[in-house]
């Protein structure tokens, strides 16, 4: 159930971003109605948490009012720190069907998993870390292959 809830939340966040990028949404009520038009029914409390979790802010709109906007943070310190940990801890990686296997320096597999979780990789179902080995369960073989190509380019 938790996986389904996370997928619904991720989808809702994606739709919220699409809505606020294409419409001038000034209130939570307007946002809730725009979500309903897209088939997503939510409560005000959930929407309020989403706005907080997504770090949405209000900016001046073209008509002088304020509208919701996504804060763009390309230099996210947390992300960069995790990316550095991942780059410095990984010894090797490979795929076995839909499993992406990472070998790390001793004690650093959980740091690699944390980095992958923070990056929010498409098709990533979950991660498990041992001492020096991390397993990433991908949705399918194609997702595992795509991640392999991305990580290979990172190195």
N, C-alpha and C. Protein backbone atom coordinates (compact mmCIF):
# COMPACT_ATOMS: atom_id res chain seq x y z
N UNK A 1 0.83 -1.21 0.00
CA UNK A 1 0.00 0.00 0.00
C UNK A 1 0.86 1.26 0.00
N UNK A 2 1.99 1.22 0.73
CA UNK A 2 2.86 2.38 0.81
C UNK A 2 3.40 2.76 -0.57
N UNK A 3 3.76 1.75 -1.37
CA UNK A 3 4.27 2.00 -2.71
C UNK A 3 3.24 2.68 -3.59
N UNK A 4 1.99 2.23 -3.47
CA UNK A 4 0.91 2.82 -4.26
C UNK A 4 0.68 4.27 -3.83
N UNK A 5 0.73 4.52 -2.53
CA UNK A 5 0.55 5.87 -2.01
C UNK A 5 1.67 6.79 -2.50
N UNK A 6 2.91 6.29 -2.48
CA UNK A 6 4.04 7.08 -2.95
C UNK A 6 3.90 7.39 -4.44
N UNK A 7 3.44 6.40 -5.22
CA UNK A 7 3.26 6.61 -6.65
C UNK A 7 2.17 7.65 -6.91
N UNK A 8 1.09 7.58 -6.13
CA UNK A 8 0.01 8.56 -6.28
C UNK A 8 0.51 9.96 -5.93
N UNK A 9 1.29 10.05 -4.86
CA UNK A 9 1.84 11.34 -4.42
C UNK A 9 2.77 11.91 -5.49
N UNK A 10 3.64 11.07 -6.02
CA UNK A 10 4.58 11.51 -7.06
C UNK A 10 3.83 12.01 -8.28
N UNK A 11 2.78 11.27 -8.69
CA UNK A 11 1.97 11.68 -9.82
C UNK A 11 1.25 13.00 -9.53
N UNK A 12 0.70 13.12 -8.32
CA UNK A 12 -0.01 14.35 -7.94
C UNK A 12 0.95 15.53 -8.00
N UNK A 13 2.18 15.36 -7.49
CA UNK A 13 3.17 16.43 -7.53
C UNK A 13 3.50 16.83 -8.97
N UNK A 14 3.62 15.82 -9.83
CA UNK A 14 3.91 16.09 -11.24
C UNK A 14 2.79 16.92 -11.87
N UNK A 15 1.55 16.53 -11.59
CA UNK A 15 0.40 17.24 -12.15
C UNK A 15 0.31 18.66 -11.57
N UNK A 16 0.59 18.81 -10.28
CA UNK A 16 0.58 20.15 -9.66
C UNK A 16 1.58 21.05 -10.38
N UNK A 17 2.78 20.54 -10.64
CA UNK A 17 3.79 21.34 -11.34
C UNK A 17 3.31 21.72 -12.74
N UNK A 18 2.69 20.77 -13.44
CA UNK A 18 2.16 21.08 -14.77
C UNK A 18 1.11 22.17 -14.71
N UNK A 19 0.25 22.09 -13.71
CA UNK A 19 -0.83 23.08 -13.57
C UNK A 19 -0.27 24.46 -13.28
N UNK A 20 0.63 24.57 -12.30
CA UNK A 20 1.11 25.91 -11.93
C UNK A 20 2.05 26.50 -12.98
N UNK A 21 2.60 25.64 -13.85
CA UNK A 21 3.44 26.16 -14.94
C UNK A 21 2.60 26.66 -16.10
N UNK A 22 1.35 26.21 -16.21
CA UNK A 22 0.53 26.58 -17.35
C UNK A 22 -0.65 27.48 -17.00
N UNK A 23 -0.94 27.63 -15.70
CA UNK A 23 -2.09 28.45 -15.28
C UNK A 23 -1.66 29.36 -14.13
N UNK A 24 -2.35 30.47 -14.00
CA UNK A 24 -2.13 31.35 -12.85
C UNK A 24 -3.03 30.86 -11.72
N UNK A 25 -2.46 30.09 -10.82
CA UNK A 25 -3.20 29.54 -9.69
C UNK A 25 -2.85 30.38 -8.47
N UNK A 26 -3.87 31.05 -7.92
CA UNK A 26 -3.62 31.97 -6.81
C UNK A 26 -3.98 31.39 -5.45
N UNK A 27 -4.86 30.39 -5.43
CA UNK A 27 -5.30 29.85 -4.14
C UNK A 27 -5.26 28.31 -4.16
N UNK A 28 -5.26 27.74 -2.96
CA UNK A 28 -5.32 26.28 -2.86
C UNK A 28 -6.63 25.76 -3.45
N UNK A 29 -7.70 26.51 -3.26
CA UNK A 29 -8.99 26.11 -3.80
C UNK A 29 -8.95 26.02 -5.33
N UNK A 30 -8.32 27.00 -5.98
CA UNK A 30 -8.17 26.96 -7.43
C UNK A 30 -7.34 25.75 -7.86
N UNK A 31 -6.30 25.47 -7.10
CA UNK A 31 -5.44 24.34 -7.41
C UNK A 31 -6.20 23.03 -7.24
N UNK A 32 -7.00 22.94 -6.18
CA UNK A 32 -7.78 21.74 -5.93
C UNK A 32 -8.77 21.48 -7.09
N UNK A 33 -9.40 22.54 -7.57
CA UNK A 33 -10.35 22.40 -8.69
C UNK A 33 -9.62 22.01 -9.98
N UNK A 34 -8.43 22.57 -10.20
CA UNK A 34 -7.65 22.21 -11.40
C UNK A 34 -7.23 20.74 -11.34
N UNK A 35 -6.90 20.26 -10.15
CA UNK A 35 -6.57 18.84 -9.97
C UNK A 35 -7.79 17.96 -10.25
N UNK A 36 -8.95 18.39 -9.74
CA UNK A 36 -10.18 17.63 -9.96
C UNK A 36 -10.49 17.50 -11.45
N UNK A 37 -10.24 18.56 -12.22
CA UNK A 37 -10.47 18.52 -13.67
C UNK A 37 -9.58 17.49 -14.34
N UNK A 38 -8.47 17.16 -13.69
CA UNK A 38 -7.54 16.15 -14.22
C UNK A 38 -7.77 14.79 -13.57
N UNK A 39 -8.85 14.67 -12.80
CA UNK A 39 -9.21 13.38 -12.21
C UNK A 39 -8.51 13.07 -10.90
N UNK A 40 -7.90 14.08 -10.28
CA UNK A 40 -7.22 13.86 -9.00
C UNK A 40 -8.01 14.55 -7.90
N UNK A 41 -8.61 13.74 -7.05
CA UNK A 41 -9.40 14.25 -5.93
C UNK A 41 -8.51 14.23 -4.69
N UNK A 42 -8.43 15.35 -4.00
CA UNK A 42 -7.58 15.44 -2.81
C UNK A 42 -8.23 16.34 -1.78
N UNK A 43 -7.74 16.27 -0.57
CA UNK A 43 -8.26 17.14 0.49
C UNK A 43 -7.40 18.39 0.60
N UNK A 44 -7.92 19.39 1.27
CA UNK A 44 -7.16 20.62 1.47
C UNK A 44 -5.93 20.35 2.32
N UNK A 45 -6.03 19.46 3.29
CA UNK A 45 -4.89 19.15 4.15
C UNK A 45 -3.77 18.49 3.35
N UNK A 46 -4.13 17.55 2.47
CA UNK A 46 -3.13 16.89 1.63
C UNK A 46 -2.50 17.89 0.68
N UNK A 47 -3.31 18.73 0.09
CA UNK A 47 -2.80 19.74 -0.83
C UNK A 47 -1.86 20.71 -0.12
N UNK A 48 -2.19 21.08 1.09
CA UNK A 48 -1.34 21.96 1.88
C UNK A 48 0.02 21.30 2.15
N UNK A 49 -0.01 19.99 2.49
CA UNK A 49 1.26 19.26 2.70
C UNK A 49 2.05 19.18 1.41
N UNK A 50 1.38 18.95 0.29
CA UNK A 50 2.06 18.90 -1.01
C UNK A 50 2.76 20.22 -1.30
N UNK A 51 2.08 21.31 -1.08
CA UNK A 51 2.65 22.64 -1.33
C UNK A 51 3.89 22.83 -0.46
N UNK A 52 3.81 22.40 0.79
CA UNK A 52 4.95 22.49 1.71
C UNK A 52 6.09 21.59 1.25
N UNK A 53 5.77 20.32 0.96
CA UNK A 53 6.79 19.35 0.55
C UNK A 53 7.49 19.75 -0.75
N UNK A 54 6.74 20.37 -1.66
CA UNK A 54 7.28 20.75 -2.96
C UNK A 54 7.97 22.11 -2.91
N UNK A 55 7.93 22.76 -1.76
CA UNK A 55 8.54 24.09 -1.56
C UNK A 55 7.99 25.11 -2.56
N UNK A 56 6.67 25.03 -2.80
CA UNK A 56 6.05 26.01 -3.69
C UNK A 56 5.98 27.35 -2.98
N UNK A 57 6.14 28.40 -3.75
CA UNK A 57 6.05 29.75 -3.20
C UNK A 57 5.03 30.52 -4.02
N UNK A 58 4.79 31.73 -3.61
CA UNK A 58 3.92 32.61 -4.40
C UNK A 58 4.80 33.71 -4.98
N UNK A 59 4.56 33.98 -6.27
CA UNK A 59 5.30 35.04 -6.95
C UNK A 59 4.30 35.98 -7.61
N UNK A 60 4.77 37.17 -7.94
CA UNK A 60 3.90 38.14 -8.59
C UNK A 60 3.54 37.65 -9.99
N UNK A 61 2.25 37.69 -10.29
CA UNK A 61 1.76 37.28 -11.60
C UNK A 61 1.68 38.47 -12.53
N UNK A 62 1.40 38.23 -13.80
CA UNK A 62 1.34 39.32 -14.79
C UNK A 62 0.21 40.31 -14.53
N UNK A 63 -0.83 39.85 -13.80
CA UNK A 63 -1.97 40.74 -13.52
C UNK A 63 -1.81 41.50 -12.21
N UNK A 64 -0.66 41.35 -11.56
CA UNK A 64 -0.42 42.04 -10.29
C UNK A 64 -0.76 41.22 -9.07
N UNK A 65 -1.49 40.13 -9.26
CA UNK A 65 -1.79 39.24 -8.14
C UNK A 65 -0.64 38.27 -7.91
N UNK A 66 -0.83 37.37 -6.96
CA UNK A 66 0.20 36.38 -6.66
C UNK A 66 -0.28 35.01 -7.09
N UNK A 67 0.66 34.20 -7.56
CA UNK A 67 0.36 32.85 -8.02
C UNK A 67 1.41 31.88 -7.49
N UNK A 68 1.02 30.60 -7.45
CA UNK A 68 1.95 29.57 -7.01
C UNK A 68 3.03 29.36 -8.06
N UNK A 69 4.24 29.11 -7.58
CA UNK A 69 5.38 28.84 -8.47
C UNK A 69 6.31 27.85 -7.78
N UNK A 70 7.01 27.08 -8.60
CA UNK A 70 7.99 26.14 -8.08
C UNK A 70 9.32 26.86 -7.93
N UNK A 71 9.97 26.63 -6.82
CA UNK A 71 11.29 27.21 -6.60
C UNK A 71 12.30 26.34 -7.31
N UNK A 72 13.07 26.93 -8.17
CA UNK A 72 14.10 26.19 -8.90
C UNK A 72 15.41 26.32 -8.12
N UNK A 73 15.96 25.19 -7.70
CA UNK A 73 17.22 25.19 -6.96
C UNK A 73 18.22 24.26 -7.64
N UNK A 74 18.89 24.73 -8.69
CA UNK A 74 19.83 23.86 -9.36
C UNK A 74 21.04 23.52 -8.50
N UNK A 75 21.34 24.34 -7.51
CA UNK A 75 22.50 24.10 -6.66
C UNK A 75 22.09 23.56 -5.29
N UNK A 76 21.16 22.65 -5.29
CA UNK A 76 20.68 22.05 -4.06
C UNK A 76 21.83 21.37 -3.34
N UNK A 77 22.25 21.92 -2.19
CA UNK A 77 23.40 21.40 -1.45
C UNK A 77 23.22 19.94 -1.07
N UNK A 78 22.03 19.55 -0.66
CA UNK A 78 21.77 18.17 -0.25
C UNK A 78 22.00 17.23 -1.42
N UNK A 79 21.45 17.57 -2.57
CA UNK A 79 21.60 16.74 -3.76
C UNK A 79 23.07 16.64 -4.16
N UNK A 80 23.78 17.76 -4.17
CA UNK A 80 25.19 17.74 -4.57
C UNK A 80 26.03 16.92 -3.61
N UNK A 81 25.74 17.01 -2.32
CA UNK A 81 26.49 16.23 -1.32
C UNK A 81 26.25 14.74 -1.54
N UNK A 82 25.00 14.35 -1.78
CA UNK A 82 24.71 12.94 -2.02
C UNK A 82 25.33 12.47 -3.34
N UNK A 83 25.32 13.31 -4.34
CA UNK A 83 25.93 12.96 -5.62
C UNK A 83 27.43 12.73 -5.44
N UNK A 84 28.07 13.58 -4.64
CA UNK A 84 29.50 13.43 -4.37
C UNK A 84 29.77 12.12 -3.62
N UNK A 85 28.94 11.82 -2.62
CA UNK A 85 29.08 10.56 -1.87
C UNK A 85 28.97 9.39 -2.84
N UNK A 86 27.99 9.46 -3.74
CA UNK A 86 27.79 8.36 -4.68
C UNK A 86 29.02 8.21 -5.57
N UNK A 87 29.51 9.29 -6.12
CA UNK A 87 30.68 9.23 -7.01
C UNK A 87 31.91 8.68 -6.29
N UNK A 88 32.10 9.06 -5.03
CA UNK A 88 33.30 8.66 -4.31
C UNK A 88 33.21 7.30 -3.64
N UNK A 89 32.02 6.74 -3.54
CA UNK A 89 31.87 5.47 -2.82
C UNK A 89 31.71 4.25 -3.73
N UNK A 90 31.34 4.46 -4.99
CA UNK A 90 31.05 3.34 -5.88
C UNK A 90 32.33 2.78 -6.51
N UNK A 91 32.48 1.46 -6.39
CA UNK A 91 33.61 0.75 -7.00
C UNK A 91 33.20 0.22 -8.37
N UNK A 92 32.01 -0.39 -8.44
CA UNK A 92 31.51 -0.92 -9.70
C UNK A 92 29.99 -1.02 -9.65
N UNK A 93 29.41 -1.25 -10.82
CA UNK A 93 27.96 -1.43 -10.90
C UNK A 93 27.64 -2.27 -12.11
N UNK A 94 26.52 -2.96 -12.05
CA UNK A 94 26.10 -3.81 -13.15
C UNK A 94 24.61 -4.05 -13.02
N UNK A 95 24.03 -4.65 -14.05
CA UNK A 95 22.61 -4.97 -14.00
C UNK A 95 22.42 -6.48 -14.18
N UNK A 96 21.37 -6.98 -13.56
CA UNK A 96 20.93 -8.37 -13.72
C UNK A 96 19.42 -8.30 -13.91
N UNK A 97 19.00 -8.28 -15.15
CA UNK A 97 17.62 -8.10 -15.53
C UNK A 97 17.12 -6.76 -14.97
N UNK A 98 16.16 -6.77 -14.03
CA UNK A 98 15.65 -5.50 -13.52
C UNK A 98 16.35 -5.05 -12.23
N UNK A 99 17.39 -5.75 -11.82
CA UNK A 99 18.15 -5.36 -10.62
C UNK A 99 19.41 -4.61 -11.03
N UNK A 100 19.61 -3.47 -10.39
CA UNK A 100 20.82 -2.69 -10.59
C UNK A 100 21.66 -2.91 -9.33
N UNK A 101 22.85 -3.45 -9.49
CA UNK A 101 23.70 -3.83 -8.35
C UNK A 101 24.89 -2.88 -8.29
N UNK A 102 25.11 -2.30 -7.11
CA UNK A 102 26.22 -1.37 -6.90
C UNK A 102 27.16 -1.94 -5.85
N UNK A 103 28.44 -1.97 -6.16
CA UNK A 103 29.47 -2.37 -5.20
C UNK A 103 30.16 -1.09 -4.75
N UNK A 104 30.30 -0.93 -3.43
CA UNK A 104 30.88 0.28 -2.87
C UNK A 104 32.07 -0.05 -1.98
N UNK A 105 32.74 0.99 -1.52
CA UNK A 105 33.73 0.82 -0.48
C UNK A 105 33.00 0.30 0.76
N UNK A 106 33.69 -0.43 1.65
CA UNK A 106 33.02 -0.97 2.85
C UNK A 106 32.30 0.11 3.65
N UNK A 107 31.06 -0.20 4.02
CA UNK A 107 30.26 0.69 4.86
C UNK A 107 29.54 1.80 4.13
N UNK A 108 29.66 1.87 2.81
CA UNK A 108 29.09 3.00 2.08
C UNK A 108 27.92 2.66 1.16
N UNK A 109 27.44 1.42 1.22
CA UNK A 109 26.32 1.05 0.36
C UNK A 109 25.06 1.86 0.70
N UNK A 110 24.83 2.11 1.98
CA UNK A 110 23.63 2.89 2.34
C UNK A 110 23.72 4.33 1.84
N UNK A 111 24.93 4.89 1.80
CA UNK A 111 25.10 6.24 1.26
C UNK A 111 24.76 6.26 -0.23
N UNK A 112 25.18 5.22 -0.95
CA UNK A 112 24.86 5.13 -2.38
C UNK A 112 23.35 5.01 -2.58
N UNK A 113 22.70 4.19 -1.75
CA UNK A 113 21.23 4.05 -1.84
C UNK A 113 20.54 5.37 -1.53
N UNK A 114 21.02 6.05 -0.52
CA UNK A 114 20.44 7.34 -0.15
C UNK A 114 20.56 8.33 -1.30
N UNK A 115 21.70 8.32 -1.97
CA UNK A 115 21.89 9.20 -3.12
C UNK A 115 20.91 8.86 -4.23
N UNK A 116 20.73 7.59 -4.50
CA UNK A 116 19.81 7.18 -5.56
C UNK A 116 18.37 7.53 -5.19
N UNK A 117 18.00 7.34 -3.93
CA UNK A 117 16.65 7.70 -3.49
C UNK A 117 16.42 9.20 -3.64
N UNK A 118 17.43 10.02 -3.32
CA UNK A 118 17.28 11.47 -3.38
C UNK A 118 17.16 11.96 -4.82
N UNK A 119 17.80 11.27 -5.74
CA UNK A 119 17.76 11.68 -7.14
C UNK A 119 16.41 11.37 -7.77
N UNK A 120 15.64 10.48 -7.18
CA UNK A 120 14.32 10.08 -7.68
C UNK A 120 14.40 9.57 -9.11
N UNK A 121 15.12 8.48 -9.28
CA UNK A 121 15.35 7.86 -10.57
C UNK A 121 14.03 7.30 -11.13
N UNK A 122 13.78 7.57 -12.42
CA UNK A 122 12.59 7.01 -13.07
C UNK A 122 12.67 5.49 -13.08
N UNK A 123 11.61 4.83 -12.69
CA UNK A 123 11.55 3.39 -12.71
C UNK A 123 12.13 2.71 -11.48
N UNK A 124 12.65 3.48 -10.53
CA UNK A 124 13.20 2.91 -9.30
C UNK A 124 12.07 2.54 -8.35
N UNK A 125 12.00 1.26 -7.99
CA UNK A 125 10.95 0.77 -7.11
C UNK A 125 11.40 0.84 -5.65
N UNK A 126 12.68 0.49 -5.39
CA UNK A 126 13.18 0.53 -4.03
C UNK A 126 14.65 0.16 -3.98
N UNK A 127 15.28 0.44 -2.84
CA UNK A 127 16.70 0.16 -2.65
C UNK A 127 16.90 -0.63 -1.36
N UNK A 128 17.94 -1.47 -1.37
CA UNK A 128 18.34 -2.22 -0.18
C UNK A 128 19.86 -2.15 -0.11
N UNK A 129 20.39 -1.83 1.06
CA UNK A 129 21.83 -1.71 1.21
C UNK A 129 22.37 -2.68 2.24
N UNK A 130 23.46 -3.32 1.90
CA UNK A 130 24.24 -4.10 2.85
C UNK A 130 25.42 -3.25 3.28
N UNK A 131 26.55 -3.87 3.54
CA UNK A 131 27.75 -3.13 3.92
C UNK A 131 28.42 -2.51 2.71
N UNK A 132 28.66 -3.32 1.69
CA UNK A 132 29.37 -2.83 0.51
C UNK A 132 28.63 -3.15 -0.80
N UNK A 133 27.39 -3.55 -0.69
CA UNK A 133 26.60 -3.87 -1.87
C UNK A 133 25.20 -3.28 -1.73
N UNK A 134 24.74 -2.66 -2.80
CA UNK A 134 23.40 -2.08 -2.83
C UNK A 134 22.63 -2.70 -3.98
N UNK A 135 21.38 -3.04 -3.73
CA UNK A 135 20.48 -3.55 -4.76
C UNK A 135 19.40 -2.51 -5.01
N UNK A 136 19.21 -2.16 -6.26
CA UNK A 136 18.15 -1.24 -6.65
C UNK A 136 17.17 -2.03 -7.51
N UNK A 137 15.96 -2.17 -7.05
CA UNK A 137 14.93 -2.86 -7.81
C UNK A 137 14.31 -1.85 -8.77
N UNK A 138 14.42 -2.16 -10.05
CA UNK A 138 13.87 -1.29 -11.08
C UNK A 138 12.55 -1.89 -11.57
N UNK A 139 11.70 -1.06 -12.11
CA UNK A 139 10.38 -1.48 -12.57
C UNK A 139 10.47 -2.58 -13.63
N UNK A 140 11.45 -2.46 -14.51
CA UNK A 140 11.61 -3.45 -15.57
C UNK A 140 13.05 -3.42 -16.09
N UNK A 141 13.36 -4.32 -17.00
CA UNK A 141 14.71 -4.42 -17.55
C UNK A 141 15.13 -3.14 -18.28
N UNK A 142 14.20 -2.52 -18.98
CA UNK A 142 14.51 -1.30 -19.72
C UNK A 142 14.90 -0.17 -18.77
N UNK A 143 14.22 -0.06 -17.63
CA UNK A 143 14.56 0.95 -16.63
C UNK A 143 15.95 0.72 -16.06
N UNK A 144 16.28 -0.55 -15.82
CA UNK A 144 17.61 -0.89 -15.31
C UNK A 144 18.68 -0.52 -16.34
N UNK A 145 18.43 -0.81 -17.60
CA UNK A 145 19.39 -0.49 -18.66
C UNK A 145 19.56 1.02 -18.80
N UNK A 146 18.47 1.78 -18.70
CA UNK A 146 18.55 3.24 -18.79
C UNK A 146 19.37 3.81 -17.63
N UNK A 147 19.16 3.28 -16.43
CA UNK A 147 19.94 3.74 -15.29
C UNK A 147 21.42 3.40 -15.47
N UNK A 148 21.69 2.20 -15.97
CA UNK A 148 23.07 1.78 -16.22
C UNK A 148 23.75 2.78 -17.16
N UNK A 149 23.07 3.17 -18.22
CA UNK A 149 23.64 4.12 -19.17
C UNK A 149 23.89 5.48 -18.52
N UNK A 150 22.95 5.94 -17.70
CA UNK A 150 23.12 7.22 -17.02
C UNK A 150 24.30 7.20 -16.07
N UNK A 151 24.42 6.14 -15.26
CA UNK A 151 25.50 6.04 -14.30
C UNK A 151 26.83 5.90 -15.01
N UNK A 152 26.87 5.15 -16.09
CA UNK A 152 28.11 5.01 -16.86
C UNK A 152 28.55 6.38 -17.36
N UNK A 153 27.63 7.21 -17.80
CA UNK A 153 27.97 8.56 -18.25
C UNK A 153 28.44 9.45 -17.11
N UNK A 154 27.94 9.19 -15.90
CA UNK A 154 28.35 9.96 -14.72
C UNK A 154 29.82 9.74 -14.43
N UNK A 155 30.28 8.50 -14.66
CA UNK A 155 31.69 8.18 -14.43
C UNK A 155 32.49 8.48 -15.66
